[in-house]
């Protein structure tokens, strides 16, 4: 795909990092397909949750036919549907703990609870040389 008109903002040809989407809800479920369409070739999706009916109206990567599936598998399917096999999608149907070994890459935290955010931040802080960018979307009303 040709992204030359965006290369001064983001150049997929020189992007060498994986992206970790922690939580597959409100923020990250939209971000996964968008990153793939921009040219990111390795996306890790982390979530231990199952897609519920209440998630579908506000989480655009999901359809009502996906209800009952893991959010990780549903998002992976949405990305594959859009992009085919051009993206390596690593599915992690688990919570990130302080001991979780994240591959080097950008980390986007999109979880609901402050306690989980703290654990994710501790993980990233301990591996800061492998994380060039940490983004906390601060979703939810806590």
C-alpha atoms as a PDB file:
ATOM      1  CA  UNK A   1       0.000   0.000   0.000  1.00  0.00           C
ATOM      2  CA  UNK A   2       1.122   3.526  -0.659  1.00  0.00           C
ATOM      3  CA  UNK A   3       1.186   5.898   2.297  1.00  0.00           C
ATOM      4  CA  UNK A   4       3.540   8.422   0.705  1.00  0.00           C
ATOM      5  CA  UNK A   5       1.195  11.350   1.383  1.00  0.00           C
ATOM      6  CA  UNK A   6       1.464  10.567   5.108  1.00  0.00           C
ATOM      7  CA  UNK A   7       5.195   9.842   5.265  1.00  0.00           C
ATOM      8  CA  UNK A   8       5.990  13.178   6.885  1.00  0.00           C
ATOM      9  CA  UNK A   9       3.638  12.179   9.731  1.00  0.00           C
ATOM     10  CA  UNK A  10       4.106   8.410   9.837  1.00  0.00           C
ATOM     11  CA  UNK A  11       6.260   6.310   7.560  1.00  0.00           C
ATOM     12  CA  UNK A  12       5.278   2.629   7.691  1.00  0.00           C
ATOM     13  CA  UNK A  13       8.395   1.641   5.732  1.00  0.00           C
ATOM     14  CA  UNK A  14      10.699   2.876   8.492  1.00  0.00           C
ATOM     15  CA  UNK A  15       8.484   1.953  11.458  1.00  0.00           C
ATOM     16  CA  UNK A  16      10.171  -0.919  13.228  1.00  0.00           C
ATOM     17  CA  UNK A  17       8.212  -1.216  16.438  1.00  0.00           C
ATOM     18  CA  UNK A  18       5.485  -3.593  17.484  1.00  0.00           C
ATOM     19  CA  UNK A  19       2.437  -1.977  19.070  1.00  0.00           C
ATOM     20  CA  UNK A  20       0.880  -3.445  22.215  1.00  0.00           C
ATOM     21  CA  UNK A  21      -2.804  -2.648  22.668  1.00  0.00           C
ATOM     22  CA  UNK A  22      -3.566  -3.439  26.289  1.00  0.00           C
ATOM     23  CA  UNK A  23      -7.297  -3.749  26.708  1.00  0.00           C
ATOM     24  CA  UNK A  24      -9.460  -4.320  23.640  1.00  0.00           C
ATOM     25  CA  UNK A  25     -12.248  -1.913  24.497  1.00  0.00           C
ATOM     26  CA  UNK A  26     -13.275   1.647  23.693  1.00  0.00           C
ATOM     27  CA  UNK A  27      -9.983   3.232  22.614  1.00  0.00           C
ATOM     28  CA  UNK A  28      -7.888   0.310  21.485  1.00  0.00           C
ATOM     29  CA  UNK A  29     -10.546  -1.520  19.465  1.00  0.00           C
ATOM     30  CA  UNK A  30     -10.631   1.439  17.087  1.00  0.00           C
ATOM     31  CA  UNK A  31      -6.885   1.886  17.166  1.00  0.00           C
ATOM     32  CA  UNK A  32      -6.028  -1.690  16.108  1.00  0.00           C
ATOM     33  CA  UNK A  33      -7.642  -1.527  12.661  1.00  0.00           C
ATOM     34  CA  UNK A  34      -6.410   2.033  12.115  1.00  0.00           C
ATOM     35  CA  UNK A  35      -2.804   1.126  12.932  1.00  0.00           C
ATOM     36  CA  UNK A  36      -2.978  -1.836  10.565  1.00  0.00           C
ATOM     37  CA  UNK A  37      -4.376   0.357   7.783  1.00  0.00           C
ATOM     38  CA  UNK A  38      -1.544   2.852   8.374  1.00  0.00           C
ATOM     39  CA  UNK A  39       1.034   0.115   7.874  1.00  0.00           C
ATOM     40  CA  UNK A  40       1.979  -1.146  11.359  1.00  0.00           C
ATOM     41  CA  UNK A  41       2.876  -4.779  10.741  1.00  0.00           C
ATOM     42  CA  UNK A  42       3.019  -6.251  14.281  1.00  0.00           C
ATOM     43  CA  UNK A  43       0.159  -5.705  16.703  1.00  0.00           C
ATOM     44  CA  UNK A  44      -0.158  -7.390  20.092  1.00  0.00           C
ATOM     45  CA  UNK A  45      -3.657  -7.427  21.582  1.00  0.00           C
ATOM     46  CA  UNK A  46      -3.949  -8.042  25.343  1.00  0.00           C
ATOM     47  CA  UNK A  47      -7.290  -8.631  27.069  1.00  0.00           C
ATOM     48  CA  UNK A  48      -8.850 -11.407  29.118  1.00  0.00           C
ATOM     49  CA  UNK A  49     -12.425 -10.260  28.534  1.00  0.00           C
ATOM     50  CA  UNK A  50     -15.251 -11.636  26.406  1.00  0.00           C
ATOM     51  CA  UNK A  51     -17.264  -9.454  24.074  1.00  0.00           C
ATOM     52  CA  UNK A  52     -20.696  -8.610  25.461  1.00  0.00           C
ATOM     53  CA  UNK A  53     -23.744  -7.149  23.751  1.00  0.00           C
ATOM     54  CA  UNK A  54     -23.217  -3.864  25.634  1.00  0.00           C
ATOM     55  CA  UNK A  55     -19.775  -3.437  24.000  1.00  0.00           C
ATOM     56  CA  UNK A  56     -20.980  -3.438  20.405  1.00  0.00           C
ATOM     57  CA  UNK A  57     -22.619   0.006  20.080  1.00  0.00           C
ATOM     58  CA  UNK A  58     -19.500   1.891  21.213  1.00  0.00           C
ATOM     59  CA  UNK A  59     -16.670  -0.372  20.054  1.00  0.00           C
ATOM     60  CA  UNK A  60     -16.553  -0.075  16.278  1.00  0.00           C
ATOM     61  CA  UNK A  61     -14.313  -3.069  15.502  1.00  0.00           C
ATOM     62  CA  UNK A  62     -16.967  -5.430  16.833  1.00  0.00           C
ATOM     63  CA  UNK A  63     -20.255  -6.681  15.420  1.00  0.00           C
ATOM     64  CA  UNK A  64     -23.155  -8.270  17.278  1.00  0.00           C
ATOM     65  CA  UNK A  65     -22.282 -11.598  15.621  1.00  0.00           C
ATOM     66  CA  UNK A  66     -19.034 -11.599  17.636  1.00  0.00           C
ATOM     67  CA  UNK A  67     -20.759 -11.518  21.047  1.00  0.00           C
ATOM     68  CA  UNK A  68     -19.475 -14.302  23.305  1.00  0.00           C
ATOM     69  CA  UNK A  69     -16.051 -14.474  21.657  1.00  0.00           C
ATOM     70  CA  UNK A  70     -12.901 -13.201  23.294  1.00  0.00           C
ATOM     71  CA  UNK A  71     -12.263  -9.538  22.539  1.00  0.00           C
ATOM     72  CA  UNK A  72      -8.741 -10.453  21.451  1.00  0.00           C
ATOM     73  CA  UNK A  73      -9.944 -12.919  18.804  1.00  0.00           C
ATOM     74  CA  UNK A  74     -12.734 -10.605  17.659  1.00  0.00           C
ATOM     75  CA  UNK A  75     -10.324  -7.690  17.151  1.00  0.00           C
ATOM     76  CA  UNK A  76      -7.819  -9.927  15.377  1.00  0.00           C
ATOM     77  CA  UNK A  77     -10.585 -11.016  13.003  1.00  0.00           C
ATOM     78  CA  UNK A  78     -11.638  -7.403  12.386  1.00  0.00           C
ATOM     79  CA  UNK A  79      -8.062  -6.436  11.497  1.00  0.00           C
ATOM     80  CA  UNK A  80      -7.613  -9.503   9.275  1.00  0.00           C
ATOM     81  CA  UNK A  81     -10.906  -8.749   7.524  1.00  0.00           C
ATOM     82  CA  UNK A  82      -9.668  -5.244   6.682  1.00  0.00           C
ATOM     83  CA  UNK A  83      -6.061  -6.057   5.895  1.00  0.00           C
ATOM     84  CA  UNK A  84      -5.810  -9.725   4.962  1.00  0.00           C
ATOM     85  CA  UNK A  85      -2.672 -11.496   6.078  1.00  0.00           C
ATOM     86  CA  UNK A  86      -0.349  -8.472   5.890  1.00  0.00           C
ATOM     87  CA  UNK A  87      -0.333  -7.889   9.647  1.00  0.00           C
ATOM     88  CA  UNK A  88       1.157 -10.114  12.333  1.00  0.00           C
ATOM     89  CA  UNK A  89      -1.447 -10.158  15.086  1.00  0.00           C
ATOM     90  CA  UNK A  90      -0.322 -11.635  18.378  1.00  0.00           C
ATOM     91  CA  UNK A  91      -3.291 -12.597  20.523  1.00  0.00           C
ATOM     92  CA  UNK A  92      -2.845 -12.597  24.293  1.00  0.00           C
ATOM     93  CA  UNK A  93      -6.066 -13.506  26.074  1.00  0.00           C
ATOM     94  CA  UNK A  94      -4.689 -12.531  29.460  1.00  0.00           C
ATOM     95  CA  UNK A  95      -4.118  -9.548  31.712  1.00  0.00           C
ATOM     96  CA  UNK A  96      -0.773  -7.790  31.692  1.00  0.00           C
ATOM     97  CA  UNK A  97       0.958  -8.178  35.049  1.00  0.00           C
ATOM     98  CA  UNK A  98       4.210  -6.728  36.338  1.00  0.00           C
ATOM     99  CA  UNK A  99       5.897  -9.976  35.240  1.00  0.00           C
ATOM    100  CA  UNK A 100       4.442 -10.090  31.714  1.00  0.00           C
ATOM    101  CA  UNK A 101       7.187 -10.065  29.084  1.00  0.00           C
ATOM    102  CA  UNK A 102       6.191  -7.512  26.461  1.00  0.00           C
ATOM    103  CA  UNK A 103       8.082  -7.587  23.175  1.00  0.00           C
ATOM    104  CA  UNK A 104       9.906  -4.315  22.488  1.00  0.00           C
ATOM    105  CA  UNK A 105       7.450  -1.754  21.186  1.00  0.00           C
ATOM    106  CA  UNK A 106       4.950   1.002  21.769  1.00  0.00           C
ATOM    107  CA  UNK A 107       2.430   0.367  24.559  1.00  0.00           C
ATOM    108  CA  UNK A 108      -1.097   1.773  24.473  1.00  0.00           C
ATOM    109  CA  UNK A 109      -2.969   1.303  27.743  1.00  0.00           C
ATOM    110  CA  UNK A 110      -6.730   1.340  27.301  1.00  0.00           C
ATOM    111  CA  UNK A 111      -7.966  -0.465  30.407  1.00  0.00           C
ATOM    112  CA  UNK A 112     -10.759   0.705  32.685  1.00  0.00           C
ATOM    113  CA  UNK A 113      -9.342   0.397  36.177  1.00  0.00           C
ATOM    114  CA  UNK A 114      -6.719   2.520  37.864  1.00  0.00           C
ATOM    115  CA  UNK A 115      -5.333  -0.568  39.636  1.00  0.00           C
ATOM    116  CA  UNK A 116      -4.717  -2.273  36.280  1.00  0.00           C
ATOM    117  CA  UNK A 117      -3.167   0.894  34.857  1.00  0.00           C
ATOM    118  CA  UNK A 118      -0.753   1.020  37.775  1.00  0.00           C
ATOM    119  CA  UNK A 119       0.325  -2.599  37.159  1.00  0.00           C
ATOM    120  CA  UNK A 120       0.816  -1.904  33.444  1.00  0.00           C
ATOM    121  CA  UNK A 121       2.803   1.247  34.217  1.00  0.00           C
ATOM    122  CA  UNK A 122       5.043  -0.718  36.626  1.00  0.00           C
ATOM    123  CA  UNK A 123       5.652  -3.278  33.864  1.00  0.00           C
ATOM    124  CA  UNK A 124       6.548  -0.600  31.320  1.00  0.00           C
ATOM    125  CA  UNK A 125       8.705   1.337  33.774  1.00  0.00           C
ATOM    126  CA  UNK A 126      10.745  -1.801  34.522  1.00  0.00           C
ATOM    127  CA  UNK A 127      11.364  -2.286  30.763  1.00  0.00           C
ATOM    128  CA  UNK A 128      11.624   1.349  29.704  1.00  0.00           C
ATOM    129  CA  UNK A 129      14.514   0.723  27.301  1.00  0.00           C
ATOM    130  CA  UNK A 130      12.230  -1.522  25.216  1.00  0.00           C
ATOM    131  CA  UNK A 131       9.280   0.902  25.186  1.00  0.00           C
ATOM    132  CA  UNK A 132       9.891   3.998  23.065  1.00  0.00           C
ATOM    133  CA  UNK A 133       6.395   5.356  23.764  1.00  0.00           C
ATOM    134  CA  UNK A 134       3.767   4.686  26.434  1.00  0.00           C
ATOM    135  CA  UNK A 135       0.251   6.050  25.908  1.00  0.00           C
ATOM    136  CA  UNK A 136      -2.404   5.838  28.605  1.00  0.00           C
ATOM    137  CA  UNK A 137      -5.829   6.591  27.167  1.00  0.00           C
ATOM    138  CA  UNK A 138      -7.405   6.907  30.617  1.00  0.00           C
ATOM    139  CA  UNK A 139     -10.719   5.446  29.580  1.00  0.00           C
ATOM    140  CA  UNK A 140     -13.544   5.170  32.136  1.00  0.00           C
ATOM    141  CA  UNK A 141     -14.679   7.584  34.779  1.00  0.00           C
ATOM    142  CA  UNK A 142     -12.270   6.711  37.587  1.00  0.00           C
END
